[in-house]
Amino acid sequence: MTEKADTLEPYRQYVYFAAFGLILGAGNDLFWLVFQPSFFSKGFLPSGSTDESQISRLLLILGLAAVGGGLYYVASVVLAPAELPSVEAVLSNEEDSVQEVEDDRVLYRLQGTWYYGQNLGQSYTISKRDGSWRFEEEFAGRRCTSTLRLVGDWAEGQLIDQKGQSTGTIRLQRGEGNSVLSYVRELGSSNWSNPNEAIGW
């Protein structure tokens, strides 16, 4: 599985080969730069190098070593194979995806504008925006919102007023026919209100 995922392996091997070749060349030149004077003094090699040539060779060695080191970094870091997720992580992500689809299926049935109250003069809207299911209601000039999540058979969320303060909790569920039942639990209370039935058109 790792070999199939590592598509950069051939390129990484070429870069490693080039890096080691340059580093080996730099090491070889450094060896001769250090020990060549001894060979000259003992007469093993004819003397012919100058200070300028020694400096040029040193710069060449440093250049080869720098390029080789850079290529080695590219091969070992930039072209390193990506770490594959564990089996547990893959299974967990799949379970989360399945649960998200199931939640969306239930919450989708609540989507729309729902009317209630005298002459159905009040309403709230449930919609999905930016990946989240939102409850929105405006009553007597006050706007209230909630981000809904599935809790058992209910869509539930914390009610937030226009000042960003929590005012309680709401939970909703499809009723009979084209209706939605909602309950509200005020902040600090442990009791839910009587059911409120809203109708969709």
N, C-alpha and C. Protein backbone atom coordinates (compact mmCIF):
# COMPACT_ATOMS: atom_id res chain seq x y z
N MET A 1 0.83 -1.21 0.00
CA MET A 1 0.00 0.00 0.00
C MET A 1 0.86 1.25 0.00
N THR A 2 1.94 1.21 0.79
CA THR A 2 2.84 2.36 0.85
C THR A 2 3.55 2.57 -0.47
N GLU A 3 3.98 1.43 -1.12
CA GLU A 3 4.69 1.54 -2.38
C GLU A 3 3.79 2.14 -3.45
N LYS A 4 2.51 1.77 -3.45
CA LYS A 4 1.59 2.31 -4.44
C LYS A 4 1.38 3.80 -4.23
N ALA A 5 1.40 4.22 -2.97
CA ALA A 5 1.15 5.63 -2.67
C ALA A 5 2.38 6.48 -2.91
N ASP A 6 3.58 5.86 -2.90
CA ASP A 6 4.83 6.61 -3.03
C ASP A 6 5.16 6.78 -4.50
N THR A 7 4.48 7.68 -5.18
CA THR A 7 4.69 7.88 -6.62
C THR A 7 5.97 8.65 -6.92
N LEU A 8 6.58 9.27 -5.92
CA LEU A 8 7.79 10.07 -6.15
C LEU A 8 9.07 9.25 -5.93
N GLU A 9 8.92 7.97 -5.63
CA GLU A 9 10.11 7.17 -5.32
C GLU A 9 11.15 7.18 -6.43
N PRO A 10 10.79 6.99 -7.73
CA PRO A 10 11.83 7.01 -8.78
C PRO A 10 12.59 8.32 -8.83
N TYR A 11 11.88 9.44 -8.71
CA TYR A 11 12.54 10.74 -8.74
C TYR A 11 13.43 10.94 -7.51
N ARG A 12 12.94 10.45 -6.37
CA ARG A 12 13.73 10.59 -5.15
C ARG A 12 15.04 9.81 -5.25
N GLN A 13 15.01 8.63 -5.88
CA GLN A 13 16.23 7.84 -6.04
C GLN A 13 17.23 8.56 -6.94
N TYR A 14 16.75 9.19 -8.01
CA TYR A 14 17.64 9.94 -8.90
C TYR A 14 18.29 11.10 -8.15
N VAL A 15 17.49 11.80 -7.35
CA VAL A 15 18.03 12.95 -6.60
C VAL A 15 19.04 12.48 -5.57
N TYR A 16 18.74 11.37 -4.89
CA TYR A 16 19.70 10.80 -3.94
C TYR A 16 21.01 10.45 -4.65
N PHE A 17 20.90 9.84 -5.82
CA PHE A 17 22.09 9.44 -6.57
C PHE A 17 22.94 10.66 -6.92
N ALA A 18 22.28 11.72 -7.40
CA ALA A 18 23.01 12.94 -7.75
C ALA A 18 23.64 13.58 -6.52
N ALA A 19 22.89 13.57 -5.39
CA ALA A 19 23.40 14.18 -4.16
C ALA A 19 24.64 13.44 -3.67
N PHE A 20 24.56 12.11 -3.62
CA PHE A 20 25.71 11.34 -3.14
C PHE A 20 26.90 11.46 -4.10
N GLY A 21 26.62 11.56 -5.41
CA GLY A 21 27.71 11.74 -6.36
C GLY A 21 28.44 13.05 -6.14
N LEU A 22 27.70 14.13 -5.91
CA LEU A 22 28.33 15.43 -5.67
C LEU A 22 29.08 15.44 -4.34
N ILE A 23 28.47 14.86 -3.31
CA ILE A 23 29.13 14.82 -2.00
C ILE A 23 30.39 13.97 -2.07
N LEU A 24 30.33 12.84 -2.78
CA LEU A 24 31.51 11.99 -2.93
C LEU A 24 32.60 12.71 -3.71
N GLY A 25 32.19 13.45 -4.76
CA GLY A 25 33.17 14.22 -5.52
C GLY A 25 33.82 15.29 -4.68
N ALA A 26 33.02 15.97 -3.84
CA ALA A 26 33.56 16.99 -2.95
C ALA A 26 34.53 16.38 -1.95
N GLY A 27 34.17 15.18 -1.43
CA GLY A 27 35.06 14.51 -0.48
C GLY A 27 36.36 14.10 -1.12
N ASN A 28 36.29 13.62 -2.36
CA ASN A 28 37.51 13.22 -3.07
C ASN A 28 38.43 14.42 -3.31
N ASP A 29 37.82 15.54 -3.75
CA ASP A 29 38.62 16.75 -3.98
C ASP A 29 39.22 17.27 -2.68
N LEU A 30 38.45 17.16 -1.59
CA LEU A 30 38.96 17.61 -0.30
C LEU A 30 40.15 16.76 0.15
N PHE A 31 40.05 15.46 -0.11
CA PHE A 31 41.16 14.57 0.24
C PHE A 31 42.44 15.00 -0.47
N TRP A 32 42.35 15.24 -1.77
CA TRP A 32 43.54 15.64 -2.52
C TRP A 32 44.01 17.04 -2.13
N LEU A 33 43.08 17.91 -1.78
CA LEU A 33 43.47 19.25 -1.37
C LEU A 33 44.28 19.21 -0.08
N VAL A 34 43.90 18.29 0.82
CA VAL A 34 44.58 18.21 2.12
C VAL A 34 45.90 17.46 2.01
N PHE A 35 45.89 16.34 1.29
CA PHE A 35 47.08 15.48 1.30
C PHE A 35 48.02 15.68 0.11
N GLN A 36 47.60 16.43 -0.89
CA GLN A 36 48.46 16.64 -2.05
C GLN A 36 49.78 17.32 -1.70
N PRO A 37 49.79 18.35 -0.80
CA PRO A 37 51.08 18.95 -0.44
C PRO A 37 52.07 17.94 0.13
N SER A 38 51.57 16.96 0.90
CA SER A 38 52.47 15.93 1.45
C SER A 38 53.07 15.08 0.34
N PHE A 39 52.22 14.76 -0.65
CA PHE A 39 52.73 13.97 -1.76
C PHE A 39 53.77 14.76 -2.56
N PHE A 40 53.53 16.09 -2.70
CA PHE A 40 54.51 16.93 -3.39
C PHE A 40 55.83 16.96 -2.64
N SER A 41 55.73 17.13 -1.30
CA SER A 41 56.97 17.26 -0.51
C SER A 41 57.78 15.97 -0.51
N LYS A 42 57.10 14.83 -0.64
CA LYS A 42 57.81 13.55 -0.64
C LYS A 42 58.20 13.10 -2.04
N GLY A 43 57.84 13.91 -3.01
CA GLY A 43 58.25 13.62 -4.38
C GLY A 43 57.40 12.61 -5.09
N PHE A 44 56.24 12.26 -4.48
CA PHE A 44 55.36 11.30 -5.16
C PHE A 44 54.67 11.92 -6.36
N LEU A 45 54.41 13.25 -6.29
CA LEU A 45 53.75 13.95 -7.38
C LEU A 45 54.54 15.18 -7.74
N PRO A 46 54.53 15.55 -9.03
CA PRO A 46 55.23 16.78 -9.43
C PRO A 46 54.48 17.99 -8.90
N SER A 47 55.22 18.93 -8.37
CA SER A 47 54.61 20.14 -7.83
C SER A 47 54.18 21.05 -8.97
N GLY A 48 52.99 21.61 -8.84
CA GLY A 48 52.52 22.50 -9.89
C GLY A 48 51.36 23.36 -9.45
N SER A 49 50.86 23.16 -8.24
CA SER A 49 49.70 23.92 -7.77
C SER A 49 50.15 25.24 -7.18
N THR A 50 49.30 26.24 -7.29
CA THR A 50 49.56 27.56 -6.74
C THR A 50 48.51 27.88 -5.70
N ASP A 51 48.72 28.98 -4.98
CA ASP A 51 47.74 29.38 -3.97
C ASP A 51 46.38 29.68 -4.61
N GLU A 52 46.43 30.29 -5.82
CA GLU A 52 45.18 30.62 -6.49
C GLU A 52 44.42 29.36 -6.87
N SER A 53 45.16 28.35 -7.36
CA SER A 53 44.50 27.10 -7.73
C SER A 53 43.93 26.39 -6.51
N GLN A 54 44.65 26.50 -5.37
CA GLN A 54 44.16 25.90 -4.13
C GLN A 54 42.85 26.56 -3.69
N ILE A 55 42.79 27.87 -3.80
CA ILE A 55 41.57 28.60 -3.42
C ILE A 55 40.42 28.23 -4.35
N SER A 56 40.72 28.12 -5.64
CA SER A 56 39.69 27.76 -6.61
C SER A 56 39.14 26.37 -6.32
N ARG A 57 40.05 25.45 -5.99
CA ARG A 57 39.62 24.09 -5.68
C ARG A 57 38.78 24.07 -4.41
N LEU A 58 39.16 24.87 -3.42
CA LEU A 58 38.40 24.93 -2.17
C LEU A 58 36.99 25.45 -2.43
N LEU A 59 36.89 26.49 -3.26
CA LEU A 59 35.56 27.03 -3.60
C LEU A 59 34.73 25.99 -4.35
N LEU A 60 35.40 25.24 -5.24
CA LEU A 60 34.70 24.20 -5.98
C LEU A 60 34.18 23.12 -5.04
N ILE A 61 35.03 22.74 -4.07
CA ILE A 61 34.63 21.72 -3.09
C ILE A 61 33.42 22.19 -2.29
N LEU A 62 33.47 23.43 -1.83
CA LEU A 62 32.35 23.98 -1.05
C LEU A 62 31.08 24.03 -1.89
N GLY A 63 31.24 24.39 -3.18
CA GLY A 63 30.07 24.44 -4.06
C GLY A 63 29.45 23.07 -4.27
N LEU A 64 30.33 22.07 -4.53
CA LEU A 64 29.83 20.71 -4.71
C LEU A 64 29.13 20.19 -3.46
N ALA A 65 29.75 20.46 -2.30
CA ALA A 65 29.15 20.00 -1.04
C ALA A 65 27.81 20.68 -0.79
N ALA A 66 27.72 21.98 -1.08
CA ALA A 66 26.47 22.71 -0.86
C ALA A 66 25.35 22.19 -1.76
N VAL A 67 25.67 22.00 -3.05
CA VAL A 67 24.67 21.49 -3.97
C VAL A 67 24.26 20.07 -3.60
N GLY A 68 25.24 19.24 -3.24
CA GLY A 68 24.93 17.88 -2.83
C GLY A 68 24.06 17.84 -1.58
N GLY A 69 24.39 18.70 -0.61
CA GLY A 69 23.57 18.77 0.60
C GLY A 69 22.16 19.25 0.30
N GLY A 70 22.05 20.22 -0.62
CA GLY A 70 20.72 20.71 -1.00
C GLY A 70 19.89 19.63 -1.66
N LEU A 71 20.51 18.86 -2.56
CA LEU A 71 19.80 17.78 -3.22
C LEU A 71 19.39 16.69 -2.22
N TYR A 72 20.26 16.42 -1.26
CA TYR A 72 19.92 15.42 -0.24
C TYR A 72 18.71 15.88 0.57
N TYR A 73 18.65 17.18 0.89
CA TYR A 73 17.50 17.73 1.63
C TYR A 73 16.23 17.59 0.80
N VAL A 74 16.34 17.90 -0.49
CA VAL A 74 15.16 17.78 -1.36
C VAL A 74 14.66 16.35 -1.39
N ALA A 75 15.59 15.39 -1.52
CA ALA A 75 15.19 13.98 -1.61
C ALA A 75 14.60 13.46 -0.31
N SER A 76 15.17 13.87 0.82
CA SER A 76 14.75 13.31 2.10
C SER A 76 13.59 14.05 2.74
N VAL A 77 13.37 15.31 2.37
CA VAL A 77 12.31 16.10 3.00
C VAL A 77 11.22 16.48 2.00
N VAL A 78 11.62 17.18 0.93
CA VAL A 78 10.62 17.66 -0.03
C VAL A 78 9.94 16.51 -0.76
N LEU A 79 10.72 15.51 -1.17
CA LEU A 79 10.17 14.38 -1.91
C LEU A 79 9.86 13.19 -1.02
N ALA A 80 9.84 13.38 0.29
CA ALA A 80 9.56 12.29 1.21
C ALA A 80 8.13 11.78 0.99
N PRO A 81 7.91 10.47 1.11
CA PRO A 81 6.56 9.94 0.90
C PRO A 81 5.61 10.45 1.97
N ALA A 82 4.39 10.75 1.55
CA ALA A 82 3.38 11.23 2.51
C ALA A 82 2.99 10.10 3.44
N GLU A 83 2.79 10.45 4.70
CA GLU A 83 2.41 9.45 5.70
C GLU A 83 0.96 9.04 5.47
N LEU A 84 0.75 7.75 5.31
CA LEU A 84 -0.60 7.26 5.08
C LEU A 84 -1.37 7.19 6.39
N PRO A 85 -2.68 7.48 6.35
CA PRO A 85 -3.47 7.39 7.58
C PRO A 85 -3.59 5.94 8.04
N SER A 86 -3.73 5.76 9.33
CA SER A 86 -3.88 4.42 9.88
C SER A 86 -5.25 3.86 9.51
N VAL A 87 -5.37 2.55 9.64
CA VAL A 87 -6.65 1.90 9.35
C VAL A 87 -7.72 2.43 10.29
N GLU A 88 -7.34 2.64 11.56
CA GLU A 88 -8.30 3.16 12.53
C GLU A 88 -8.81 4.54 12.13
N ALA A 89 -7.89 5.40 11.63
CA ALA A 89 -8.30 6.75 11.22
C ALA A 89 -9.23 6.70 10.02
N VAL A 90 -8.92 5.81 9.06
CA VAL A 90 -9.77 5.69 7.87
C VAL A 90 -11.16 5.23 8.26
N LEU A 91 -11.23 4.20 9.13
CA LEU A 91 -12.53 3.68 9.56
C LEU A 91 -13.30 4.73 10.33
N SER A 92 -12.59 5.50 11.17
CA SER A 92 -13.24 6.55 11.95
C SER A 92 -13.82 7.62 11.05
N ASN A 93 -13.06 8.02 10.01
CA ASN A 93 -13.55 9.03 9.07
C ASN A 93 -14.76 8.52 8.30
N GLU A 94 -14.74 7.22 7.95
CA GLU A 94 -15.88 6.66 7.24
C GLU A 94 -17.12 6.65 8.12
N GLU A 95 -16.92 6.30 9.41
CA GLU A 95 -18.06 6.30 10.34
C GLU A 95 -18.61 7.70 10.52
N ASP A 96 -17.71 8.69 10.62
CA ASP A 96 -18.16 10.08 10.75
C ASP A 96 -18.95 10.51 9.51
N SER A 97 -18.47 10.10 8.33
CA SER A 97 -19.15 10.47 7.09
C SER A 97 -20.54 9.85 7.02
N VAL A 98 -20.63 8.58 7.41
CA VAL A 98 -21.93 7.89 7.41
C VAL A 98 -22.88 8.57 8.38
N GLN A 99 -22.38 8.92 9.57
CA GLN A 99 -23.22 9.59 10.56
C GLN A 99 -23.68 10.95 10.07
N GLU A 100 -22.78 11.68 9.39
CA GLU A 100 -23.14 12.99 8.86
C GLU A 100 -24.23 12.88 7.81
N VAL A 101 -24.13 11.88 6.95
CA VAL A 101 -25.15 11.67 5.93
C VAL A 101 -26.49 11.33 6.58
N GLU A 102 -26.45 10.49 7.61
CA GLU A 102 -27.68 10.13 8.31
C GLU A 102 -28.30 11.33 9.00
N ASP A 103 -27.47 12.16 9.64
CA ASP A 103 -27.97 13.39 10.28
C ASP A 103 -28.61 14.31 9.26
N ASP A 104 -27.95 14.48 8.11
CA ASP A 104 -28.48 15.35 7.06
C ASP A 104 -29.83 14.83 6.56
N ARG A 105 -29.94 13.51 6.46
CA ARG A 105 -31.20 12.92 5.98
C ARG A 105 -32.35 13.27 6.92
N VAL A 106 -32.10 13.21 8.23
CA VAL A 106 -33.14 13.53 9.21
C VAL A 106 -33.42 15.02 9.23
N LEU A 107 -32.35 15.83 9.27
CA LEU A 107 -32.52 17.28 9.36
C LEU A 107 -33.11 17.87 8.09
N TYR A 108 -32.88 17.21 6.96
CA TYR A 108 -33.42 17.71 5.70
C TYR A 108 -34.94 17.78 5.73
N ARG A 109 -35.57 16.89 6.48
CA ARG A 109 -37.03 16.87 6.58
C ARG A 109 -37.55 18.07 7.36
N LEU A 110 -36.66 18.76 8.07
CA LEU A 110 -37.07 19.96 8.81
C LEU A 110 -36.81 21.24 8.01
N GLN A 111 -36.19 21.10 6.87
CA GLN A 111 -35.82 22.28 6.09
C GLN A 111 -37.05 23.01 5.56
N GLY A 112 -36.99 24.35 5.64
CA GLY A 112 -38.08 25.15 5.11
C GLY A 112 -38.52 26.22 6.09
N THR A 113 -39.61 26.90 5.75
CA THR A 113 -40.20 27.92 6.63
C THR A 113 -41.47 27.35 7.23
N TRP A 114 -41.57 27.47 8.55
CA TRP A 114 -42.68 26.87 9.28
C TRP A 114 -43.46 27.96 10.01
N TYR A 115 -44.80 27.89 9.90
CA TYR A 115 -45.67 28.95 10.41
C TYR A 115 -46.49 28.42 11.59
N TYR A 116 -46.68 29.29 12.59
CA TYR A 116 -47.44 28.90 13.77
C TYR A 116 -48.09 30.15 14.37
N GLY A 117 -48.79 29.96 15.48
CA GLY A 117 -49.41 31.09 16.17
C GLY A 117 -50.75 31.47 15.58
N GLN A 118 -51.31 32.56 16.10
CA GLN A 118 -52.61 33.02 15.65
C GLN A 118 -52.56 33.41 14.18
N ASN A 119 -53.47 32.81 13.42
CA ASN A 119 -53.53 33.04 11.97
C ASN A 119 -52.19 32.74 11.28
N LEU A 120 -51.42 31.87 11.93
CA LEU A 120 -50.11 31.48 11.39
C LEU A 120 -49.26 32.71 11.07
N GLY A 121 -49.34 33.68 11.99
CA GLY A 121 -48.64 34.94 11.75
C GLY A 121 -47.18 34.95 12.16
N GLN A 122 -46.72 33.90 12.81
CA GLN A 122 -45.32 33.82 13.21
C GLN A 122 -44.66 32.66 12.46
N SER A 123 -43.36 32.75 12.30
CA SER A 123 -42.66 31.70 11.54
C SER A 123 -41.20 31.61 11.94
N TYR A 124 -40.60 30.49 11.60
CA TYR A 124 -39.15 30.32 11.72
C TYR A 124 -38.66 29.53 10.51
N THR A 125 -37.39 29.62 10.26
CA THR A 125 -36.80 28.98 9.08
C THR A 125 -35.67 28.05 9.51
N ILE A 126 -35.61 26.90 8.87
CA ILE A 126 -34.52 25.95 9.09
C ILE A 126 -33.84 25.71 7.75
N SER A 127 -32.54 25.91 7.70
CA SER A 127 -31.80 25.76 6.44
C SER A 127 -30.37 25.33 6.74
N LYS A 128 -29.71 24.85 5.71
CA LYS A 128 -28.31 24.45 5.85
C LYS A 128 -27.44 25.48 5.17
N ARG A 129 -26.48 26.04 5.94
CA ARG A 129 -25.57 27.05 5.41
C ARG A 129 -24.17 26.79 5.94
N ASP A 130 -23.21 26.84 5.03
CA ASP A 130 -21.80 26.64 5.40
C ASP A 130 -21.61 25.33 6.15
N GLY A 131 -22.34 24.30 5.75
CA GLY A 131 -22.16 22.98 6.34
C GLY A 131 -22.90 22.76 7.64
N SER A 132 -23.64 23.76 8.14
CA SER A 132 -24.35 23.63 9.41
C SER A 132 -25.84 23.88 9.20
N TRP A 133 -26.65 23.18 9.98
CA TRP A 133 -28.09 23.39 9.96
C TRP A 133 -28.44 24.49 10.93
N ARG A 134 -29.18 25.49 10.43
CA ARG A 134 -29.46 26.69 11.22
C ARG A 134 -30.97 26.89 11.42
N PHE A 135 -31.30 27.25 12.65
CA PHE A 135 -32.66 27.67 13.00
C PHE A 135 -32.65 29.19 13.15
N GLU A 136 -33.60 29.87 12.50
CA GLU A 136 -33.66 31.33 12.58
C GLU A 136 -35.11 31.77 12.76
N GLU A 137 -35.29 32.67 13.72
CA GLU A 137 -36.63 33.18 13.98
C GLU A 137 -36.54 34.65 14.39
N GLU A 138 -37.48 35.43 13.89
CA GLU A 138 -37.55 36.84 14.28
C GLU A 138 -38.96 37.11 14.80
N PHE A 139 -39.03 37.57 16.05
CA PHE A 139 -40.32 37.78 16.69
C PHE A 139 -40.28 39.08 17.47
N ALA A 140 -41.25 39.96 17.20
CA ALA A 140 -41.35 41.26 17.88
C ALA A 140 -40.03 42.04 17.77
N GLY A 141 -39.41 41.98 16.60
CA GLY A 141 -38.19 42.73 16.38
C GLY A 141 -36.94 42.09 16.95
N ARG A 142 -37.07 40.94 17.56
CA ARG A 142 -35.92 40.23 18.14
C ARG A 142 -35.61 39.01 17.29
N ARG A 143 -34.34 38.85 16.99
CA ARG A 143 -33.90 37.74 16.14
C ARG A 143 -33.20 36.70 17.01
N CYS A 144 -33.52 35.45 16.77
CA CYS A 144 -32.93 34.35 17.54
C CYS A 144 -32.44 33.28 16.57
N THR A 145 -31.28 32.73 16.82
CA THR A 145 -30.71 31.71 15.94
C THR A 145 -30.20 30.53 16.77
N SER A 146 -29.99 29.42 16.08
CA SER A 146 -29.44 28.23 16.74
C SER A 146 -28.80 27.34 15.69
N THR A 147 -27.68 26.74 16.05
CA THR A 147 -27.05 25.72 15.20
C THR A 147 -27.53 24.36 15.68
N LEU A 148 -28.21 23.65 14.80
CA LEU A 148 -28.86 22.40 15.19
C LEU A 148 -27.96 21.19 14.98
N ARG A 149 -28.12 20.23 15.87
CA ARG A 149 -27.45 18.94 15.73
C ARG A 149 -28.44 17.86 16.15
N LEU A 150 -28.20 16.67 15.68
CA LEU A 150 -29.12 15.58 15.97
C LEU A 150 -28.78 14.97 17.32
N VAL A 151 -29.76 14.94 18.21
CA VAL A 151 -29.63 14.32 19.53
C VAL A 151 -30.76 13.30 19.65
N GLY A 152 -30.43 12.03 19.45
CA GLY A 152 -31.48 11.03 19.41
C GLY A 152 -32.37 11.25 18.20
N ASP A 153 -33.67 11.40 18.44
CA ASP A 153 -34.62 11.65 17.36
C ASP A 153 -34.92 13.13 17.18
N TRP A 154 -34.21 13.98 17.92
CA TRP A 154 -34.51 15.41 17.91
C TRP A 154 -33.37 16.21 17.28
N ALA A 155 -33.79 17.30 16.62
CA ALA A 155 -32.81 18.32 16.21
C ALA A 155 -32.76 19.33 17.34
N GLU A 156 -31.59 19.50 17.91
CA GLU A 156 -31.49 20.32 19.13
C GLU A 156 -30.36 21.34 18.99
N GLY A 157 -30.55 22.50 19.61
CA GLY A 157 -29.52 23.52 19.56
C GLY A 157 -29.75 24.59 20.61
N GLN A 158 -28.70 25.31 20.89
CA GLN A 158 -28.76 26.40 21.87
C GLN A 158 -29.28 27.66 21.19
N LEU A 159 -30.25 28.31 21.80
CA LEU A 159 -30.81 29.53 21.24
C LEU A 159 -29.94 30.72 21.61
N ILE A 160 -29.58 31.51 20.59
CA ILE A 160 -28.72 32.68 20.78
C ILE A 160 -29.47 33.91 20.29
N ASP A 161 -29.53 34.94 21.15
CA ASP A 161 -30.23 36.15 20.73
C ASP A 161 -29.31 37.05 19.91
N GLN A 162 -29.84 38.21 19.50
CA GLN A 162 -29.08 39.10 18.62
C GLN A 162 -27.88 39.73 19.32
N LYS A 163 -27.82 39.64 20.65
CA LYS A 163 -26.66 40.14 21.39
C LYS A 163 -25.61 39.06 21.61
N GLY A 164 -25.89 37.86 21.11
CA GLY A 164 -24.95 36.76 21.27
C GLY A 164 -25.09 36.03 22.58
N GLN A 165 -26.16 36.30 23.31
CA GLN A 165 -26.38 35.66 24.60
C GLN A 165 -27.29 34.44 24.45
N SER A 166 -27.01 33.41 25.24
CA SER A 166 -27.84 32.21 25.22
C SER A 166 -29.13 32.47 25.99
N THR A 167 -30.25 32.07 25.40
CA THR A 167 -31.55 32.25 26.05
C THR A 167 -32.22 30.93 26.40
N GLY A 168 -31.63 29.83 25.99
CA GLY A 168 -32.22 28.53 26.27
C GLY A 168 -31.86 27.52 25.20
N THR A 169 -32.67 26.48 25.12
CA THR A 169 -32.44 25.40 24.16
C THR A 169 -33.73 25.09 23.43
N ILE A 170 -33.62 24.77 22.17
CA ILE A 170 -34.78 24.37 21.38
C ILE A 170 -34.54 22.99 20.80
N ARG A 171 -35.61 22.22 20.70
CA ARG A 171 -35.51 20.94 20.00
C ARG A 171 -36.73 20.80 19.10
N LEU A 172 -36.51 20.19 17.96
CA LEU A 172 -37.57 20.11 16.94
C LEU A 172 -37.64 18.70 16.37
N GLN A 173 -38.85 18.36 15.89
CA GLN A 173 -39.07 17.05 15.31
C GLN A 173 -40.25 17.12 14.36
N ARG A 174 -40.17 16.36 13.27
CA ARG A 174 -41.31 16.34 12.35
C ARG A 174 -42.52 15.73 13.05
N GLY A 175 -43.67 16.39 12.84
CA GLY A 175 -44.92 15.88 13.38
C GLY A 175 -45.71 15.17 12.30
N GLU A 176 -47.00 15.03 12.53
CA GLU A 176 -47.85 14.37 11.56
C GLU A 176 -48.11 15.30 10.38
N GLY A 177 -48.18 14.72 9.21
CA GLY A 177 -48.42 15.52 8.02
C GLY A 177 -47.28 16.49 7.77
N ASN A 178 -47.63 17.66 7.31
CA ASN A 178 -46.61 18.67 6.98
C ASN A 178 -46.45 19.62 8.16
N SER A 179 -45.95 19.10 9.27
CA SER A 179 -45.82 19.92 10.47
C SER A 179 -44.52 19.59 11.20
N VAL A 180 -44.13 20.52 12.07
CA VAL A 180 -42.95 20.35 12.92
C VAL A 180 -43.33 20.69 14.35
N LEU A 181 -42.92 19.85 15.28
CA LEU A 181 -43.14 20.11 16.70
C LEU A 181 -41.87 20.67 17.30
N SER A 182 -42.01 21.70 18.12
CA SER A 182 -40.84 22.29 18.77
C SER A 182 -41.11 22.46 20.26
N TYR A 183 -40.03 22.34 21.04
CA TYR A 183 -40.08 22.55 22.48
C TYR A 183 -38.95 23.49 22.84
N VAL A 184 -39.19 24.32 23.83
CA VAL A 184 -38.17 25.26 24.28
C VAL A 184 -37.92 25.04 25.77
N ARG A 185 -36.66 25.04 26.14
CA ARG A 185 -36.27 24.97 27.56
C ARG A 185 -35.50 26.24 27.88
N GLU A 186 -36.08 27.05 28.75
CA GLU A 186 -35.45 28.32 29.07
C GLU A 186 -34.14 28.11 29.82
N LEU A 187 -33.27 29.11 29.73
CA LEU A 187 -31.97 29.03 30.38
C LEU A 187 -32.14 28.87 31.88
N GLY A 188 -31.48 27.88 32.45
CA GLY A 188 -31.55 27.63 33.89
C GLY A 188 -32.67 26.71 34.29
N SER A 189 -33.53 26.34 33.36
CA SER A 189 -34.66 25.46 33.66
C SER A 189 -34.35 24.04 33.20
N SER A 190 -34.99 23.07 33.85
CA SER A 190 -34.81 21.67 33.45
C SER A 190 -36.06 21.13 32.76
N ASN A 191 -37.06 21.97 32.61
CA ASN A 191 -38.33 21.54 32.03
C ASN A 191 -38.50 22.10 30.62
N TRP A 192 -39.07 21.27 29.76
CA TRP A 192 -39.38 21.70 28.41
C TRP A 192 -40.77 22.30 28.36
N SER A 193 -40.98 23.23 27.46
CA SER A 193 -42.29 23.86 27.29
C SER A 193 -43.27 22.88 26.66
N ASN A 194 -44.51 23.29 26.60
CA ASN A 194 -45.51 22.51 25.87
C ASN A 194 -45.15 22.52 24.38
N PRO A 195 -45.55 21.49 23.65
CA PRO A 195 -45.18 21.44 22.22
C PRO A 195 -45.84 22.56 21.43
N ASN A 196 -45.09 23.10 20.51
CA ASN A 196 -45.59 24.11 19.59
C ASN A 196 -45.59 23.51 18.19
N GLU A 197 -46.75 23.49 17.56
CA GLU A 197 -46.86 22.89 16.23
C GLU A 197 -46.81 23.98 15.17
N ALA A 198 -45.91 23.82 14.22
CA ALA A 198 -45.80 24.75 13.10
C ALA A 198 -46.10 23.99 11.81
N ILE A 199 -46.64 24.70 10.85
CA ILE A 199 -47.09 24.09 9.60
C ILE A 199 -46.32 24.69 8.43
N GLY A 200 -45.93 23.84 7.51
CA GLY A 200 -45.25 24.30 6.31
C GLY A 200 -46.22 24.45 5.15
N TRP A 201 -45.98 25.42 4.29
CA TRP A 201 -46.84 25.64 3.13
C TRP A 201 -46.12 25.19 1.87
